[in-house]
Amino acid sequence: MNSENKQNNDSSSVDRDIELLDAIPVTNAKRRYPWAMIVVIFLFIFIPFLSWYGSWFGRPLSDEKIQQYLTDKEKPRNVQHALSYIGNKIIEGDQSVQRWYPLIVATAKNEAPQVRKMAAWTMGQDNQSQEFHQSLLELLQDANAGVRHNAALQLVRFNDPSGRKELLAMLESQTLRAETDGEIELLISEEGRAISENTPLARIKKADGQIVEVRSTDDARIQAILVADKSTVKIGDELITIAPSVEQAFETLKALYLVGQTEDIPAIQRYTGQMTGMSDAVRQQALNTLEAIRKRNGR
């Protein structure tokens, strides 16, 4: 009997222990874990969103912010944001933004090329402004190719062909050369690839270990790679040929539709045939441009 009672007591004890375990609020821990995961996921999404929204040019700006951004000496993207915002306001017909015109002209002398490029675009949106017209003519002499290109395109909106030679240069390929001796490391090896202005294309390691980067001078496409990776190059050697981007070719041909001359025909005709990486829209625009030039010149 004692043995049976002991077994019964042990069994009851085990049952009580199981009941106690069941009573422990483990469900609360399970509930907390999904909420923690949700918070982490939210932060992973929200923080990049804040970063993107802070640099998004489509974000509306108050008058106070416009003033602050146009005169920002530290952050070029803030100046670009204000210029983009004002340019779109001009397109919408908002004449109140004319109060900012003197500051816009001042940004055309900003140290950052990307700011001067955006300033050129913004000034092109009001082709009645003489101060903008004069500033764009000055930007045709800019040291940066991208700035000159934008100025040439926007001058066409003023019915000014002053940038025609620059427009023709925009249809030409460009070969980048080594600025020093050393071993080259190619960072981009795919021909036909689209690249943005200032994209690192290669690195040259000098004998003393210093690195010299080779960067794209404009939005473009890789047309040809003329050296092998890890090969030795000398100063002046041809490295990479870049061709105009599809967008640049299209916009340039549209501009030449209005200001092109008979002597420009050979440069334009190349775009009427099959070109690697070029679109049908570019070929059609080249044909339209040739027709407009011939009509304009009685040919």
C-alpha atoms as a PDB file:
ATOM      1  CA  MET A   1       0.000   0.000   0.000  1.00  0.00           C
ATOM      2  CA  ASN A   2       2.787   2.377   0.870  1.00  0.00           C
ATOM      3  CA  SER A   3       4.347   1.705  -2.498  1.00  0.00           C
ATOM      4  CA  GLU A   4       1.046   2.380  -4.278  1.00  0.00           C
ATOM      5  CA  ASN A   5       0.486   5.575  -2.299  1.00  0.00           C
ATOM      6  CA  LYS A   6       3.983   6.748  -3.155  1.00  0.00           C
ATOM      7  CA  GLN A   7       3.371   6.113  -6.857  1.00  0.00           C
ATOM      8  CA  ASN A   8       0.060   7.957  -6.685  1.00  0.00           C
ATOM      9  CA  ASN A   9       1.701  10.892  -4.910  1.00  0.00           C
ATOM     10  CA  ASP A  10       4.495  10.989  -7.501  1.00  0.00           C
ATOM     11  CA  SER A  11       1.943  10.915 -10.290  1.00  0.00           C
ATOM     12  CA  SER A  12      -0.038  13.741  -8.701  1.00  0.00           C
ATOM     13  CA  SER A  13       3.157  15.743  -8.275  1.00  0.00           C
ATOM     14  CA  VAL A  14       4.035  15.345 -11.939  1.00  0.00           C
ATOM     15  CA  ASP A  15       0.519  16.375 -12.961  1.00  0.00           C
ATOM     16  CA  ARG A  16       0.806  19.502 -10.762  1.00  0.00           C
ATOM     17  CA  ASP A  17       4.170  20.346 -12.299  1.00  0.00           C
ATOM     18  CA  ILE A  18       2.727  20.053 -15.788  1.00  0.00           C
ATOM     19  CA  GLU A  19      -0.185  22.282 -14.799  1.00  0.00           C
ATOM     20  CA  LEU A  20       2.241  24.862 -13.382  1.00  0.00           C
ATOM     21  CA  LEU A  21       4.296  24.791 -16.562  1.00  0.00           C
ATOM     22  CA  ASP A  22       1.165  25.283 -18.624  1.00  0.00           C
ATOM     23  CA  ALA A  23       0.294  28.258 -16.462  1.00  0.00           C
ATOM     24  CA  ILE A  24       3.554  30.092 -17.180  1.00  0.00           C
ATOM     25  CA  PRO A  25       2.732  33.006 -19.576  1.00  0.00           C
ATOM     26  CA  VAL A  26       5.092  31.926 -22.335  1.00  0.00           C
ATOM     27  CA  THR A  27       2.657  33.344 -24.860  1.00  0.00           C
ATOM     28  CA  ASN A  28       3.711  36.846 -23.809  1.00  0.00           C
ATOM     29  CA  ALA A  29       7.285  36.127 -24.871  1.00  0.00           C
ATOM     30  CA  LYS A  30       6.054  34.774 -28.173  1.00  0.00           C
ATOM     31  CA  ARG A  31       4.018  37.918 -28.694  1.00  0.00           C
ATOM     32  CA  ARG A  32       6.941  40.220 -27.940  1.00  0.00           C
ATOM     33  CA  TYR A  33       9.215  38.553 -30.496  1.00  0.00           C
ATOM     34  CA  PRO A  34       7.043  39.325 -33.581  1.00  0.00           C
ATOM     35  CA  TRP A  35       6.660  42.941 -32.426  1.00  0.00           C
ATOM     36  CA  ALA A  36      10.428  43.275 -32.119  1.00  0.00           C
ATOM     37  CA  MET A  37      10.832  41.924 -35.613  1.00  0.00           C
ATOM     38  CA  ILE A  38       8.217  44.357 -36.917  1.00  0.00           C
ATOM     39  CA  VAL A  39      10.072  47.262 -35.321  1.00  0.00           C
ATOM     40  CA  VAL A  40      13.371  46.145 -36.884  1.00  0.00           C
ATOM     41  CA  ILE A  41      11.755  45.735 -40.322  1.00  0.00           C
ATOM     42  CA  PHE A  42      10.110  49.156 -39.974  1.00  0.00           C
ATOM     43  CA  LEU A  43      13.451  50.774 -39.167  1.00  0.00           C
ATOM     44  CA  PHE A  44      15.109  49.067 -42.140  1.00  0.00           C
ATOM     45  CA  ILE A  45      12.430  50.616 -44.374  1.00  0.00           C
ATOM     46  CA  PHE A  46      11.898  53.957 -42.656  1.00  0.00           C
ATOM     47  CA  ILE A  47      15.527  55.075 -42.276  1.00  0.00           C
ATOM     48  CA  PRO A  48      16.387  54.645 -46.001  1.00  0.00           C
ATOM     49  CA  PHE A  49      13.076  56.368 -46.827  1.00  0.00           C
ATOM     50  CA  LEU A  50      14.052  59.384 -44.712  1.00  0.00           C
ATOM     51  CA  SER A  51      17.436  59.499 -46.420  1.00  0.00           C
ATOM     52  CA  TRP A  52      15.813  59.300 -49.874  1.00  0.00           C
ATOM     53  CA  TYR A  53      13.110  61.827 -49.055  1.00  0.00           C
ATOM     54  CA  GLY A  54      15.679  64.258 -47.700  1.00  0.00           C
ATOM     55  CA  SER A  55      17.566  64.252 -51.011  1.00  0.00           C
ATOM     56  CA  TRP A  56      14.570  63.927 -53.375  1.00  0.00           C
ATOM     57  CA  PHE A  57      14.390  66.921 -55.702  1.00  0.00           C
ATOM     58  CA  GLY A  58      10.611  66.598 -55.944  1.00  0.00           C
ATOM     59  CA  ARG A  59      10.157  67.548 -52.291  1.00  0.00           C
ATOM     60  CA  PRO A  60       8.363  70.945 -51.990  1.00  0.00           C
ATOM     61  CA  LEU A  61      10.380  73.829 -50.547  1.00  0.00           C
ATOM     62  CA  SER A  62       9.262  76.869 -48.584  1.00  0.00           C
ATOM     63  CA  ASP A  63      10.561  80.320 -49.496  1.00  0.00           C
ATOM     64  CA  GLU A  64      12.836  80.155 -46.467  1.00  0.00           C
ATOM     65  CA  LYS A  65      14.280  76.829 -47.642  1.00  0.00           C
ATOM     66  CA  ILE A  66      14.775  78.096 -51.198  1.00  0.00           C
ATOM     67  CA  GLN A  67      16.790  81.044 -49.881  1.00  0.00           C
ATOM     68  CA  GLN A  68      18.786  78.770 -47.600  1.00  0.00           C
ATOM     69  CA  TYR A  69      19.453  76.140 -50.256  1.00  0.00           C
ATOM     70  CA  LEU A  70      20.422  78.538 -53.052  1.00  0.00           C
ATOM     71  CA  THR A  71      23.085  80.064 -50.828  1.00  0.00           C
ATOM     72  CA  ASP A  72      24.328  76.787 -49.293  1.00  0.00           C
ATOM     73  CA  LYS A  73      28.117  76.637 -49.636  1.00  0.00           C
ATOM     74  CA  GLU A  74      28.516  73.209 -48.060  1.00  0.00           C
ATOM     75  CA  LYS A  75      25.952  70.922 -49.707  1.00  0.00           C
ATOM     76  CA  PRO A  76      25.717  71.041 -53.536  1.00  0.00           C
ATOM     77  CA  ARG A  77      22.647  68.793 -53.511  1.00  0.00           C
ATOM     78  CA  ASN A  78      20.717  71.430 -51.589  1.00  0.00           C
ATOM     79  CA  VAL A  79      21.521  74.006 -54.283  1.00  0.00           C
ATOM     80  CA  GLN A  80      20.527  71.493 -56.974  1.00  0.00           C
ATOM     81  CA  HIS A  81      17.274  70.794 -55.148  1.00  0.00           C
ATOM     82  CA  ALA A  82      16.352  74.482 -55.073  1.00  0.00           C
ATOM     83  CA  LEU A  83      17.282  74.933 -58.746  1.00  0.00           C
ATOM     84  CA  SER A  84      15.234  71.911 -59.779  1.00  0.00           C
ATOM     85  CA  TYR A  85      12.262  73.106 -57.744  1.00  0.00           C
ATOM     86  CA  ILE A  86      12.389  76.603 -59.249  1.00  0.00           C
ATOM     87  CA  GLY A  87      12.852  75.218 -62.777  1.00  0.00           C
ATOM     88  CA  ASN A  88       9.678  73.175 -62.430  1.00  0.00           C
ATOM     89  CA  LYS A  89       7.839  76.201 -61.044  1.00  0.00           C
ATOM     90  CA  ILE A  90       8.901  78.190 -64.120  1.00  0.00           C
ATOM     91  CA  ILE A  91       7.541  75.414 -66.336  1.00  0.00           C
ATOM     92  CA  GLU A  92       4.238  75.654 -64.439  1.00  0.00           C
ATOM     93  CA  GLY A  93       4.121  79.397 -65.203  1.00  0.00           C
ATOM     94  CA  ASP A  94       4.736  80.575 -61.645  1.00  0.00           C
ATOM     95  CA  GLN A  95       6.154  84.095 -62.079  1.00  0.00           C
ATOM     96  CA  SER A  96       6.688  84.566 -58.353  1.00  0.00           C
ATOM     97  CA  VAL A  97       9.970  82.644 -58.582  1.00  0.00           C
ATOM     98  CA  GLN A  98      11.507  85.494 -60.590  1.00  0.00           C
ATOM     99  CA  ARG A  99      12.599  86.997 -57.271  1.00  0.00           C
ATOM    100  CA  TRP A 100      15.201  84.194 -57.122  1.00  0.00           C
ATOM    101  CA  TYR A 101      16.682  84.900 -60.567  1.00  0.00           C
ATOM    102  CA  PRO A 102      19.756  86.813 -59.305  1.00  0.00           C
ATOM    103  CA  LEU A 103      20.632  83.939 -56.980  1.00  0.00           C
ATOM    104  CA  ILE A 104      20.141  81.430 -59.812  1.00  0.00           C
ATOM    105  CA  VAL A 105      22.612  83.366 -61.949  1.00  0.00           C
ATOM    106  CA  ALA A 106      25.025  83.322 -58.994  1.00  0.00           C
ATOM    107  CA  THR A 107      24.827  79.510 -58.797  1.00  0.00           C
ATOM    108  CA  ALA A 108      26.170  79.359 -62.362  1.00  0.00           C
ATOM    109  CA  LYS A 109      29.528  80.260 -60.803  1.00  0.00           C
ATOM    110  CA  ASN A 110      29.336  77.592 -58.086  1.00  0.00           C
ATOM    111  CA  GLU A 111      32.487  75.507 -57.621  1.00  0.00           C
ATOM    112  CA  ALA A 112      30.586  72.234 -58.073  1.00  0.00           C
ATOM    113  CA  PRO A 113      30.083  71.278 -61.770  1.00  0.00           C
ATOM    114  CA  GLN A 114      26.842  69.444 -60.961  1.00  0.00           C
ATOM    115  CA  VAL A 115      25.405  72.691 -59.615  1.00  0.00           C
ATOM    116  CA  ARG A 116      26.441  74.648 -62.720  1.00  0.00           C
ATOM    117  CA  LYS A 117      24.828  71.962 -64.898  1.00  0.00           C
ATOM    118  CA  MET A 118      21.563  72.247 -62.980  1.00  0.00           C
ATOM    119  CA  ALA A 119      21.754  76.049 -63.119  1.00  0.00           C
ATOM    120  CA  ALA A 120      22.013  75.856 -66.916  1.00  0.00           C
ATOM    121  CA  TRP A 121      18.913  73.657 -67.090  1.00  0.00           C
ATOM    122  CA  THR A 122      16.945  75.950 -64.777  1.00  0.00           C
ATOM    123  CA  MET A 123      17.859  79.065 -66.755  1.00  0.00           C
ATOM    124  CA  GLY A 124      16.764  77.378 -69.952  1.00  0.00           C
ATOM    125  CA  GLN A 125      13.196  77.153 -68.654  1.00  0.00           C
ATOM    126  CA  ASP A 126      12.675  80.916 -69.049  1.00  0.00           C
ATOM    127  CA  ASN A 127      13.778  81.866 -72.542  1.00  0.00           C
ATOM    128  CA  GLN A 128      12.567  85.429 -72.053  1.00  0.00           C
ATOM    129  CA  SER A 129      15.129  86.272 -69.398  1.00  0.00           C
ATOM    130  CA  GLN A 130      18.065  88.250 -70.744  1.00  0.00           C
ATOM    131  CA  GLU A 131      20.120  87.663 -67.595  1.00  0.00           C
ATOM    132  CA  PHE A 132      19.697  83.923 -68.063  1.00  0.00           C
ATOM    133  CA  HIS A 133      20.610  84.207 -71.737  1.00  0.00           C
ATOM    134  CA  GLN A 134      23.844  86.031 -70.930  1.00  0.00           C
ATOM    135  CA  SER A 135      24.764  83.596 -68.170  1.00  0.00           C
ATOM    136  CA  LEU A 136      24.271  80.612 -70.504  1.00  0.00           C
ATOM    137  CA  LEU A 137      26.591  82.206 -73.076  1.00  0.00           C
ATOM    138  CA  GLU A 138      29.253  82.444 -70.374  1.00  0.00           C
ATOM    139  CA  LEU A 139      28.749  78.790 -69.429  1.00  0.00           C
ATOM    140  CA  LEU A 140      29.665  77.797 -72.996  1.00  0.00           C
ATOM    141  CA  GLN A 141      33.272  78.481 -71.925  1.00  0.00           C
ATOM    142  CA  ASP A 142      33.075  76.331 -68.786  1.00  0.00           C
ATOM    143  CA  ALA A 143      35.934  73.928 -68.091  1.00  0.00           C
ATOM    144  CA  ASN A 144      33.478  71.069 -67.498  1.00  0.00           C
ATOM    145  CA  ALA A 145      32.129  69.346 -70.628  1.00  0.00           C
ATOM    146  CA  GLY A 146      28.797  68.522 -69.039  1.00  0.00           C
ATOM    147  CA  VAL A 147      28.203  72.157 -68.122  1.00  0.00           C
ATOM    148  CA  ARG A 148      29.042  73.301 -71.667  1.00  0.00           C
ATOM    149  CA  HIS A 149      26.708  70.674 -73.075  1.00  0.00           C
ATOM    150  CA  ASN A 150      23.800  71.784 -70.916  1.00  0.00           C
ATOM    151  CA  ALA A 151      24.425  75.419 -71.782  1.00  0.00           C
ATOM    152  CA  ALA A 152      24.463  74.653 -75.516  1.00  0.00           C
ATOM    153  CA  LEU A 153      21.184  72.738 -75.303  1.00  0.00           C
ATOM    154  CA  GLN A 154      19.435  75.467 -73.309  1.00  0.00           C
ATOM    155  CA  LEU A 155      20.619  78.260 -75.604  1.00  0.00           C
ATOM    156  CA  VAL A 156      18.599  76.648 -78.389  1.00  0.00           C
ATOM    157  CA  ARG A 157      15.497  77.487 -76.337  1.00  0.00           C
ATOM    158  CA  PHE A 158      16.494  81.137 -76.782  1.00  0.00           C
ATOM    159  CA  ASN A 159      16.740  80.543 -80.550  1.00  0.00           C
ATOM    160  CA  ASP A 160      20.475  81.135 -80.136  1.00  0.00           C
ATOM    161  CA  PRO A 161      22.791  78.899 -82.212  1.00  0.00           C
ATOM    162  CA  SER A 162      25.924  79.993 -80.310  1.00  0.00           C
ATOM    163  CA  GLY A 163      26.385  76.513 -78.903  1.00  0.00           C
ATOM    164  CA  ARG A 164      26.190  74.700 -82.258  1.00  0.00           C
ATOM    165  CA  LYS A 165      29.851  73.609 -82.236  1.00  0.00           C
ATOM    166  CA  GLU A 166      29.378  72.234 -78.737  1.00  0.00           C
ATOM    167  CA  LEU A 167      26.289  70.356 -79.927  1.00  0.00           C
ATOM    168  CA  LEU A 168      28.303  68.710 -82.693  1.00  0.00           C
ATOM    169  CA  ALA A 169      30.972  67.738 -80.168  1.00  0.00           C
ATOM    170  CA  MET A 170      28.234  66.043 -78.147  1.00  0.00           C
ATOM    171  CA  LEU A 171      27.662  63.604 -81.026  1.00  0.00           C
ATOM    172  CA  GLU A 172      31.312  62.529 -81.093  1.00  0.00           C
ATOM    173  CA  SER A 173      33.019  59.729 -79.200  1.00  0.00           C
ATOM    174  CA  GLN A 174      35.841  60.554 -76.821  1.00  0.00           C
ATOM    175  CA  THR A 175      38.941  58.531 -75.969  1.00  0.00           C
ATOM    176  CA  LEU A 176      40.209  58.738 -72.401  1.00  0.00           C
ATOM    177  CA  ARG A 177      43.993  58.632 -72.018  1.00  0.00           C
ATOM    178  CA  ALA A 178      46.337  57.719 -69.193  1.00  0.00           C
ATOM    179  CA  GLU A 179      47.433  60.685 -67.109  1.00  0.00           C
ATOM    180  CA  THR A 180      50.323  58.755 -65.572  1.00  0.00           C
ATOM    181  CA  ASP A 181      52.470  55.627 -65.968  1.00  0.00           C
ATOM    182  CA  GLY A 182      51.567  52.499 -64.031  1.00  0.00           C
ATOM    183  CA  GLU A 183      49.515  49.322 -63.849  1.00  0.00           C
ATOM    184  CA  ILE A 184      45.876  49.714 -64.817  1.00  0.00           C
ATOM    185  CA  GLU A 185      42.954  48.022 -63.104  1.00  0.00           C
ATOM    186  CA  LEU A 186      39.723  48.117 -65.108  1.00  0.00           C
ATOM    187  CA  LEU A 187      36.641  48.750 -62.987  1.00  0.00           C
ATOM    188  CA  ILE A 188      34.203  48.438 -65.918  1.00  0.00           C
ATOM    189  CA  SER A 189      34.842  45.903 -68.656  1.00  0.00           C
ATOM    190  CA  GLU A 190      31.487  45.610 -70.471  1.00  0.00           C
ATOM    191  CA  GLU A 191      31.367  47.426 -73.801  1.00  0.00           C
ATOM    192  CA  GLY A 192      28.015  49.067 -74.480  1.00  0.00           C
ATOM    193  CA  ARG A 193      27.325  49.714 -70.809  1.00  0.00           C
ATOM    194  CA  ALA A 194      25.697  53.043 -69.887  1.00  0.00           C
ATOM    195  CA  ILE A 195      27.643  55.139 -67.393  1.00  0.00           C
ATOM    196  CA  SER A 196      27.033  58.388 -65.546  1.00  0.00           C
ATOM    197  CA  GLU A 197      29.268  61.417 -65.414  1.00  0.00           C
ATOM    198  CA  ASN A 198      32.223  61.009 -63.046  1.00  0.00           C
ATOM    199  CA  THR A 199      31.834  57.214 -62.852  1.00  0.00           C
ATOM    200  CA  PRO A 200      35.181  55.539 -61.951  1.00  0.00           C
ATOM    201  CA  LEU A 201      36.205  53.452 -64.967  1.00  0.00           C
ATOM    202  CA  ALA A 202      39.735  52.390 -64.056  1.00  0.00           C
ATOM    203  CA  ARG A 203      42.575  52.894 -61.580  1.00  0.00           C
ATOM    204  CA  ILE A 204      46.233  53.341 -62.437  1.00  0.00           C
ATOM    205  CA  LYS A 205      48.705  52.317 -59.733  1.00  0.00           C
ATOM    206  CA  LYS A 206      51.915  54.304 -59.946  1.00  0.00           C
ATOM    207  CA  ALA A 207      55.361  52.948 -59.039  1.00  0.00           C
ATOM    208  CA  ASP A 208      55.186  54.706 -55.656  1.00  0.00           C
ATOM    209  CA  GLY A 209      51.857  53.052 -54.863  1.00  0.00           C
ATOM    210  CA  GLN A 210      49.693  56.111 -55.455  1.00  0.00           C
ATOM    211  CA  ILE A 211      46.393  55.557 -57.282  1.00  0.00           C
ATOM    212  CA  VAL A 212      45.111  57.752 -60.115  1.00  0.00           C
ATOM    213  CA  GLU A 213      41.476  57.221 -61.096  1.00  0.00           C
ATOM    214  CA  VAL A 214      40.122  57.393 -64.629  1.00  0.00           C
ATOM    215  CA  ARG A 215      36.574  58.764 -64.601  1.00  0.00           C
ATOM    216  CA  SER A 216      33.922  59.414 -67.242  1.00  0.00           C
ATOM    217  CA  THR A 217      33.665  63.034 -68.311  1.00  0.00           C
ATOM    218  CA  ASP A 218      29.938  62.878 -69.098  1.00  0.00           C
ATOM    219  CA  ASP A 219      26.910  60.592 -69.200  1.00  0.00           C
ATOM    220  CA  ALA A 220      27.942  58.124 -71.882  1.00  0.00           C
ATOM    221  CA  ARG A 221      28.268  54.518 -73.073  1.00  0.00           C
ATOM    222  CA  ILE A 222      31.391  52.367 -73.092  1.00  0.00           C
ATOM    223  CA  GLN A 223      32.228  52.073 -76.783  1.00  0.00           C
ATOM    224  CA  ALA A 224      35.583  50.293 -76.632  1.00  0.00           C
ATOM    225  CA  ILE A 225      38.119  49.182 -74.031  1.00  0.00           C
ATOM    226  CA  LEU A 226      41.562  49.602 -75.532  1.00  0.00           C
ATOM    227  CA  VAL A 227      43.805  48.082 -72.833  1.00  0.00           C
ATOM    228  CA  ALA A 228      43.938  44.799 -70.940  1.00  0.00           C
ATOM    229  CA  ASP A 229      43.253  44.609 -67.228  1.00  0.00           C
ATOM    230  CA  LYS A 230      46.439  44.616 -65.084  1.00  0.00           C
ATOM    231  CA  SER A 231      48.537  45.753 -68.048  1.00  0.00           C
ATOM    232  CA  THR A 232      51.186  48.478 -67.859  1.00  0.00           C
ATOM    233  CA  VAL A 233      50.294  51.814 -69.417  1.00  0.00           C
ATOM    234  CA  LYS A 234      52.260  54.967 -70.107  1.00  0.00           C
ATOM    235  CA  ILE A 235      51.130  58.545 -69.888  1.00  0.00           C
ATOM    236  CA  GLY A 236      49.106  59.457 -72.991  1.00  0.00           C
ATOM    237  CA  ASP A 237      48.119  55.870 -73.834  1.00  0.00           C
ATOM    238  CA  GLU A 238      44.551  55.405 -75.085  1.00  0.00           C
ATOM    239  CA  LEU A 239      42.506  53.543 -72.486  1.00  0.00           C
ATOM    240  CA  ILE A 240      38.751  53.652 -73.062  1.00  0.00           C
ATOM    241  CA  THR A 241      36.526  55.169 -75.745  1.00  0.00           C
ATOM    242  CA  ILE A 242      33.175  56.478 -74.577  1.00  0.00           C
ATOM    243  CA  ALA A 243      30.268  57.360 -76.868  1.00  0.00           C
ATOM    244  CA  PRO A 244      27.320  59.699 -76.242  1.00  0.00           C
ATOM    245  CA  SER A 245      24.522  58.313 -74.135  1.00  0.00           C
ATOM    246  CA  VAL A 246      21.195  57.598 -75.838  1.00  0.00           C
ATOM    247  CA  GLU A 247      19.562  60.553 -74.079  1.00  0.00           C
ATOM    248  CA  GLN A 248      22.392  62.920 -74.992  1.00  0.00           C
ATOM    249  CA  ALA A 249      22.322  61.901 -78.648  1.00  0.00           C
ATOM    250  CA  PHE A 250      18.542  62.312 -78.800  1.00  0.00           C
ATOM    251  CA  GLU A 251      18.503  65.747 -77.133  1.00  0.00           C
ATOM    252  CA  THR A 252      21.408  66.961 -79.285  1.00  0.00           C
ATOM    253  CA  LEU A 253      19.705  65.886 -82.491  1.00  0.00           C
ATOM    254  CA  LYS A 254      16.525  67.667 -81.367  1.00  0.00           C
ATOM    255  CA  ALA A 255      18.550  70.843 -80.817  1.00  0.00           C
ATOM    256  CA  LEU A 256      20.239  70.568 -84.219  1.00  0.00           C
ATOM    257  CA  TYR A 257      16.780  70.182 -85.760  1.00  0.00           C
ATOM    258  CA  LEU A 258      16.394  73.894 -84.946  1.00  0.00           C
ATOM    259  CA  VAL A 259      19.920  75.289 -85.383  1.00  0.00           C
ATOM    260  CA  GLY A 260      21.797  72.738 -87.502  1.00  0.00           C
ATOM    261  CA  GLN A 261      23.526  73.798 -90.711  1.00  0.00           C
ATOM    262  CA  THR A 262      24.396  72.056 -93.965  1.00  0.00           C
ATOM    263  CA  GLU A 263      27.962  71.358 -92.821  1.00  0.00           C
ATOM    264  CA  ASP A 264      26.560  69.445 -89.824  1.00  0.00           C
ATOM    265  CA  ILE A 265      24.949  66.795 -92.044  1.00  0.00           C
ATOM    266  CA  PRO A 266      27.836  64.243 -92.003  1.00  0.00           C
ATOM    267  CA  ALA A 267      27.907  64.188 -88.188  1.00  0.00           C
ATOM    268  CA  ILE A 268      24.146  63.659 -88.079  1.00  0.00           C
ATOM    269  CA  GLN A 269      24.006  61.045 -90.848  1.00  0.00           C
ATOM    270  CA  ARG A 270      25.990  58.579 -88.741  1.00  0.00           C
ATOM    271  CA  TYR A 271      23.022  58.317 -86.432  1.00  0.00           C
ATOM    272  CA  THR A 272      20.617  57.293 -89.199  1.00  0.00           C
ATOM    273  CA  GLY A 273      22.192  53.836 -89.447  1.00  0.00           C
ATOM    274  CA  GLN A 274      22.587  50.999 -86.999  1.00  0.00           C
ATOM    275  CA  MET A 275      24.705  52.038 -84.011  1.00  0.00           C
ATOM    276  CA  THR A 276      25.396  49.741 -81.070  1.00  0.00           C
ATOM    277  CA  GLY A 277      23.311  50.760 -78.087  1.00  0.00           C
ATOM    278  CA  MET A 278      21.290  53.410 -79.926  1.00  0.00           C
ATOM    279  CA  SER A 279      17.504  53.353 -80.064  1.00  0.00           C
ATOM    280  CA  ASP A 280      15.054  53.609 -82.963  1.00  0.00           C
ATOM    281  CA  ALA A 281      13.944  56.968 -81.537  1.00  0.00           C
ATOM    282  CA  VAL A 282      17.466  58.338 -82.014  1.00  0.00           C
ATOM    283  CA  ARG A 283      17.628  57.092 -85.612  1.00  0.00           C
ATOM    284  CA  GLN A 284      14.232  58.633 -86.393  1.00  0.00           C
ATOM    285  CA  GLN A 285      15.234  61.935 -84.819  1.00  0.00           C
ATOM    286  CA  ALA A 286      18.413  61.964 -86.934  1.00  0.00           C
ATOM    287  CA  LEU A 287      16.303  61.534 -90.077  1.00  0.00           C
ATOM    288  CA  ASN A 288      13.920  64.305 -88.981  1.00  0.00           C
ATOM    289  CA  THR A 289      16.849  66.611 -88.238  1.00  0.00           C
ATOM    290  CA  LEU A 290      18.431  66.017 -91.644  1.00  0.00           C
ATOM    291  CA  GLU A 291      15.125  66.790 -93.348  1.00  0.00           C
ATOM    292  CA  ALA A 292      14.702  70.023 -91.375  1.00  0.00           C
ATOM    293  CA  ILE A 293      18.242  71.203 -92.208  1.00  0.00           C
ATOM    294  CA  ARG A 294      17.811  70.484 -95.912  1.00  0.00           C
ATOM    295  CA  LYS A 295      14.513  72.343 -96.027  1.00  0.00           C
ATOM    296  CA  ARG A 296      15.974  75.268 -94.141  1.00  0.00           C
ATOM    297  CA  ASN A 297      18.881  75.509 -96.553  1.00  0.00           C
ATOM    298  CA  GLY A 298      16.903  74.822 -99.732  1.00  0.00           C
ATOM    299  CA  ARG A 299      18.439  71.404-100.410  1.00  0.00           C
END
